[in-house]
Amino acid sequence: VSLDKITEDYEVVFNKFSPSLEKSFFNKEAVKKILKIIVDLNEGYRIPLILRDLQDYSYREISELTEKPIGTVKTNIHRARKIIKEKLKAYK
C-alpha cells in the first residue's frame, strides 16, 4: 500500500482520526501529520489499518491477506487507531 494511495484519501484519513476538529482546521499540514503517524506505525498495525479504514476491506479479507486470525486483525487495527489518536493529542 503506497503513501500516494493514502494521500489520495486524505480527507477520509482526517475525518477518521480527528472527527472532533472543526472543518476550518482541515488543512494539508494536519493531514501530513496524520499520514506521518500512519507511516511510522509498525507494519503489523499499518497494513491492516490502511486496508480496513482507507480501502474498505472486510476483517475476513484482511485476515486472509495477512494470514492472521480475525481476532488479531481486529486487535491490531484497534491498537493502531489508539496510537494515532494518542499522538494526535500532542498536536492539539
N, C-alpha and C. Protein backbone atom coordinates (compact mmCIF):
# COMPACT_ATOMS: atom_id res chain seq x y z
N VAL A 1 0.86 -1.17 0.00
CA VAL A 1 0.00 0.00 0.00
C VAL A 1 0.90 1.22 0.00
N SER A 2 0.73 2.07 -1.00
CA SER A 2 1.63 3.20 -1.16
C SER A 2 1.15 4.43 -0.40
N LEU A 3 2.11 5.29 -0.08
CA LEU A 3 1.78 6.56 0.56
C LEU A 3 0.95 7.42 -0.37
N ASP A 4 1.17 7.31 -1.69
CA ASP A 4 0.37 8.07 -2.65
C ASP A 4 -1.10 7.70 -2.53
N LYS A 5 -1.40 6.42 -2.37
CA LYS A 5 -2.78 5.97 -2.23
C LYS A 5 -3.39 6.55 -0.95
N ILE A 6 -2.61 6.56 0.11
CA ILE A 6 -3.10 7.12 1.36
C ILE A 6 -3.38 8.61 1.18
N THR A 7 -2.47 9.30 0.54
CA THR A 7 -2.62 10.74 0.34
C THR A 7 -3.86 11.06 -0.47
N GLU A 8 -4.19 10.22 -1.43
CA GLU A 8 -5.40 10.42 -2.22
C GLU A 8 -6.63 10.42 -1.33
N ASP A 9 -6.57 9.69 -0.26
CA ASP A 9 -7.70 9.56 0.65
C ASP A 9 -7.54 10.44 1.89
N TYR A 10 -6.86 11.58 1.73
CA TYR A 10 -6.52 12.40 2.89
C TYR A 10 -7.73 12.86 3.69
N GLU A 11 -8.82 13.16 3.03
CA GLU A 11 -10.00 13.62 3.77
C GLU A 11 -10.57 12.49 4.61
N VAL A 12 -10.56 11.29 4.07
CA VAL A 12 -11.02 10.12 4.82
C VAL A 12 -10.14 9.94 6.05
N VAL A 13 -8.83 10.05 5.85
CA VAL A 13 -7.89 9.90 6.96
C VAL A 13 -8.18 10.94 8.03
N PHE A 14 -8.30 12.18 7.62
CA PHE A 14 -8.51 13.26 8.58
C PHE A 14 -9.80 13.05 9.36
N ASN A 15 -10.88 12.77 8.66
CA ASN A 15 -12.17 12.59 9.32
C ASN A 15 -12.18 11.37 10.24
N LYS A 16 -11.45 10.34 9.85
CA LYS A 16 -11.42 9.11 10.63
C LYS A 16 -10.72 9.31 11.98
N PHE A 17 -9.62 10.06 11.96
CA PHE A 17 -8.81 10.15 13.16
C PHE A 17 -8.92 11.48 13.90
N SER A 18 -9.58 12.46 13.33
CA SER A 18 -9.76 13.74 14.00
C SER A 18 -11.18 14.27 13.82
N PRO A 19 -12.18 13.48 14.11
CA PRO A 19 -13.55 13.93 13.87
C PRO A 19 -13.95 15.13 14.73
N SER A 20 -13.26 15.35 15.84
CA SER A 20 -13.63 16.44 16.73
C SER A 20 -13.09 17.80 16.27
N LEU A 21 -12.14 17.79 15.36
CA LEU A 21 -11.60 19.05 14.87
C LEU A 21 -12.60 19.71 13.93
N GLU A 22 -12.71 21.00 14.03
CA GLU A 22 -13.62 21.71 13.15
C GLU A 22 -13.07 21.69 11.73
N LYS A 23 -13.97 21.75 10.75
CA LYS A 23 -13.56 21.71 9.34
C LYS A 23 -12.62 22.86 9.00
N SER A 24 -12.73 23.99 9.69
CA SER A 24 -11.85 25.13 9.40
C SER A 24 -10.39 24.79 9.66
N PHE A 25 -10.14 23.78 10.47
CA PHE A 25 -8.78 23.37 10.76
C PHE A 25 -8.26 22.33 9.77
N PHE A 26 -9.15 21.91 8.89
CA PHE A 26 -8.76 20.89 7.91
C PHE A 26 -7.79 21.51 6.93
N ASN A 27 -6.58 21.04 6.93
CA ASN A 27 -5.58 21.56 6.01
C ASN A 27 -4.53 20.50 5.75
N LYS A 28 -3.70 20.78 4.79
CA LYS A 28 -2.71 19.78 4.39
C LYS A 28 -1.70 19.48 5.48
N GLU A 29 -1.39 20.44 6.31
CA GLU A 29 -0.44 20.19 7.39
C GLU A 29 -0.98 19.15 8.38
N ALA A 30 -2.24 19.26 8.71
CA ALA A 30 -2.85 18.28 9.62
C ALA A 30 -2.83 16.90 8.99
N VAL A 31 -3.15 16.84 7.71
CA VAL A 31 -3.15 15.56 7.00
C VAL A 31 -1.74 14.98 6.97
N LYS A 32 -0.75 15.81 6.73
CA LYS A 32 0.64 15.33 6.71
C LYS A 32 1.02 14.72 8.06
N LYS A 33 0.58 15.34 9.14
CA LYS A 33 0.88 14.81 10.47
C LYS A 33 0.23 13.45 10.67
N ILE A 34 -1.02 13.33 10.26
CA ILE A 34 -1.72 12.05 10.39
C ILE A 34 -1.04 10.99 9.54
N LEU A 35 -0.71 11.34 8.31
CA LEU A 35 -0.05 10.37 7.43
C LEU A 35 1.30 9.95 7.97
N LYS A 36 2.03 10.89 8.55
CA LYS A 36 3.34 10.56 9.12
C LYS A 36 3.16 9.55 10.26
N ILE A 37 2.16 9.77 11.09
CA ILE A 37 1.89 8.84 12.18
C ILE A 37 1.57 7.46 11.62
N ILE A 38 0.73 7.41 10.59
CA ILE A 38 0.36 6.12 9.98
C ILE A 38 1.58 5.44 9.38
N VAL A 39 2.37 6.19 8.64
CA VAL A 39 3.56 5.62 8.00
C VAL A 39 4.54 5.10 9.04
N ASP A 40 4.62 5.76 10.19
CA ASP A 40 5.55 5.36 11.24
C ASP A 40 5.07 4.17 12.08
N LEU A 41 3.81 3.77 11.93
CA LEU A 41 3.33 2.58 12.64
C LEU A 41 4.10 1.36 12.17
N ASN A 42 4.25 0.38 13.06
CA ASN A 42 4.89 -0.84 12.59
C ASN A 42 3.97 -1.52 11.58
N GLU A 43 4.56 -2.30 10.74
CA GLU A 43 3.84 -2.92 9.62
C GLU A 43 2.62 -3.73 10.06
N GLY A 44 2.74 -4.39 11.19
CA GLY A 44 1.64 -5.21 11.69
C GLY A 44 0.39 -4.42 12.04
N TYR A 45 0.56 -3.16 12.34
CA TYR A 45 -0.57 -2.26 12.60
C TYR A 45 -0.96 -1.48 11.35
N ARG A 46 0.05 -0.98 10.64
CA ARG A 46 -0.18 -0.10 9.50
C ARG A 46 -0.97 -0.76 8.37
N ILE A 47 -0.55 -1.93 7.96
CA ILE A 47 -1.19 -2.58 6.81
C ILE A 47 -2.66 -2.90 7.07
N PRO A 48 -3.00 -3.56 8.18
CA PRO A 48 -4.43 -3.82 8.41
C PRO A 48 -5.25 -2.54 8.54
N LEU A 49 -4.68 -1.52 9.17
CA LEU A 49 -5.39 -0.24 9.33
C LEU A 49 -5.71 0.38 7.98
N ILE A 50 -4.73 0.42 7.10
CA ILE A 50 -4.93 1.00 5.77
C ILE A 50 -5.95 0.18 4.98
N LEU A 51 -5.81 -1.13 5.04
CA LEU A 51 -6.75 -1.98 4.30
C LEU A 51 -8.18 -1.78 4.80
N ARG A 52 -8.35 -1.66 6.10
CA ARG A 52 -9.70 -1.53 6.67
C ARG A 52 -10.26 -0.12 6.50
N ASP A 53 -9.52 0.88 6.95
CA ASP A 53 -10.07 2.23 7.03
C ASP A 53 -9.98 3.03 5.74
N LEU A 54 -9.02 2.73 4.90
CA LEU A 54 -8.87 3.50 3.67
C LEU A 54 -9.31 2.75 2.43
N GLN A 55 -9.23 1.43 2.49
CA GLN A 55 -9.57 0.65 1.30
C GLN A 55 -10.81 -0.22 1.51
N ASP A 56 -11.43 -0.11 2.66
CA ASP A 56 -12.70 -0.78 2.95
C ASP A 56 -12.69 -2.30 2.81
N TYR A 57 -11.57 -2.92 3.13
CA TYR A 57 -11.53 -4.38 3.16
C TYR A 57 -12.28 -4.85 4.41
N SER A 58 -12.87 -6.03 4.32
CA SER A 58 -13.52 -6.61 5.50
C SER A 58 -12.44 -7.22 6.40
N TYR A 59 -12.82 -7.47 7.65
CA TYR A 59 -11.88 -8.12 8.55
C TYR A 59 -11.47 -9.49 8.00
N ARG A 60 -12.42 -10.19 7.42
CA ARG A 60 -12.12 -11.51 6.86
C ARG A 60 -11.10 -11.40 5.72
N GLU A 61 -11.30 -10.42 4.84
CA GLU A 61 -10.36 -10.24 3.73
C GLU A 61 -8.96 -9.90 4.24
N ILE A 62 -8.89 -9.05 5.23
CA ILE A 62 -7.59 -8.68 5.81
C ILE A 62 -6.95 -9.89 6.45
N SER A 63 -7.75 -10.68 7.14
CA SER A 63 -7.26 -11.90 7.77
C SER A 63 -6.65 -12.84 6.73
N GLU A 64 -7.34 -13.00 5.63
CA GLU A 64 -6.84 -13.88 4.57
C GLU A 64 -5.57 -13.32 3.93
N LEU A 65 -5.54 -12.03 3.67
CA LEU A 65 -4.37 -11.41 3.04
C LEU A 65 -3.14 -11.46 3.94
N THR A 66 -3.35 -11.22 5.22
CA THR A 66 -2.21 -11.16 6.15
C THR A 66 -1.91 -12.51 6.80
N GLU A 67 -2.80 -13.47 6.58
CA GLU A 67 -2.67 -14.79 7.18
C GLU A 67 -2.62 -14.72 8.70
N LYS A 68 -3.45 -13.84 9.25
CA LYS A 68 -3.59 -13.68 10.70
C LYS A 68 -5.04 -13.96 11.08
N PRO A 69 -5.28 -14.47 12.29
CA PRO A 69 -6.65 -14.69 12.73
C PRO A 69 -7.43 -13.36 12.78
N ILE A 70 -8.73 -13.44 12.56
CA ILE A 70 -9.56 -12.23 12.56
C ILE A 70 -9.41 -11.47 13.88
N GLY A 71 -9.35 -12.17 14.98
CA GLY A 71 -9.18 -11.51 16.28
C GLY A 71 -7.91 -10.68 16.35
N THR A 72 -6.84 -11.21 15.80
CA THR A 72 -5.56 -10.49 15.76
C THR A 72 -5.68 -9.26 14.88
N VAL A 73 -6.33 -9.40 13.75
CA VAL A 73 -6.54 -8.27 12.83
C VAL A 73 -7.31 -7.16 13.55
N LYS A 74 -8.40 -7.52 14.21
CA LYS A 74 -9.21 -6.52 14.91
C LYS A 74 -8.41 -5.84 16.02
N THR A 75 -7.66 -6.63 16.77
CA THR A 75 -6.84 -6.07 17.85
C THR A 75 -5.80 -5.11 17.30
N ASN A 76 -5.12 -5.50 16.22
CA ASN A 76 -4.08 -4.65 15.65
C ASN A 76 -4.65 -3.34 15.10
N ILE A 77 -5.82 -3.41 14.50
CA ILE A 77 -6.46 -2.19 13.98
C ILE A 77 -6.86 -1.29 15.15
N HIS A 78 -7.42 -1.89 16.18
CA HIS A 78 -7.80 -1.10 17.37
C HIS A 78 -6.57 -0.42 17.98
N ARG A 79 -5.48 -1.15 18.10
CA ARG A 79 -4.26 -0.59 18.68
C ARG A 79 -3.69 0.52 17.79
N ALA A 80 -3.74 0.32 16.49
CA ALA A 80 -3.24 1.35 15.56
C ALA A 80 -4.05 2.64 15.71
N ARG A 81 -5.36 2.51 15.77
CA ARG A 81 -6.23 3.69 15.94
C ARG A 81 -5.93 4.40 17.26
N LYS A 82 -5.71 3.61 18.30
CA LYS A 82 -5.41 4.19 19.62
C LYS A 82 -4.09 4.96 19.58
N ILE A 83 -3.09 4.39 18.96
CA ILE A 83 -1.79 5.06 18.83
C ILE A 83 -1.94 6.38 18.08
N ILE A 84 -2.68 6.33 16.99
CA ILE A 84 -2.88 7.54 16.18
C ILE A 84 -3.59 8.61 16.99
N LYS A 85 -4.64 8.24 17.66
CA LYS A 85 -5.39 9.23 18.45
C LYS A 85 -4.54 9.82 19.56
N GLU A 86 -3.73 8.99 20.22
CA GLU A 86 -2.85 9.49 21.29
C GLU A 86 -1.82 10.46 20.74
N LYS A 87 -1.24 10.14 19.60
CA LYS A 87 -0.23 11.02 19.02
C LYS A 87 -0.85 12.31 18.49
N LEU A 88 -2.08 12.25 18.05
CA LEU A 88 -2.76 13.47 17.57
C LEU A 88 -3.03 14.44 18.71
N LYS A 89 -3.22 13.92 19.91
CA LYS A 89 -3.46 14.80 21.06
C LYS A 89 -2.28 15.75 21.27
N ALA A 90 -1.09 15.31 20.93
CA ALA A 90 0.10 16.15 21.08
C ALA A 90 0.08 17.34 20.13
N TYR A 91 -0.66 17.23 19.03
CA TYR A 91 -0.72 18.30 18.05
C TYR A 91 -1.78 19.34 18.37
N LYS A 92 -2.67 19.03 19.29
CA LYS A 92 -3.78 19.96 19.59
C LYS A 92 -3.32 21.06 20.51
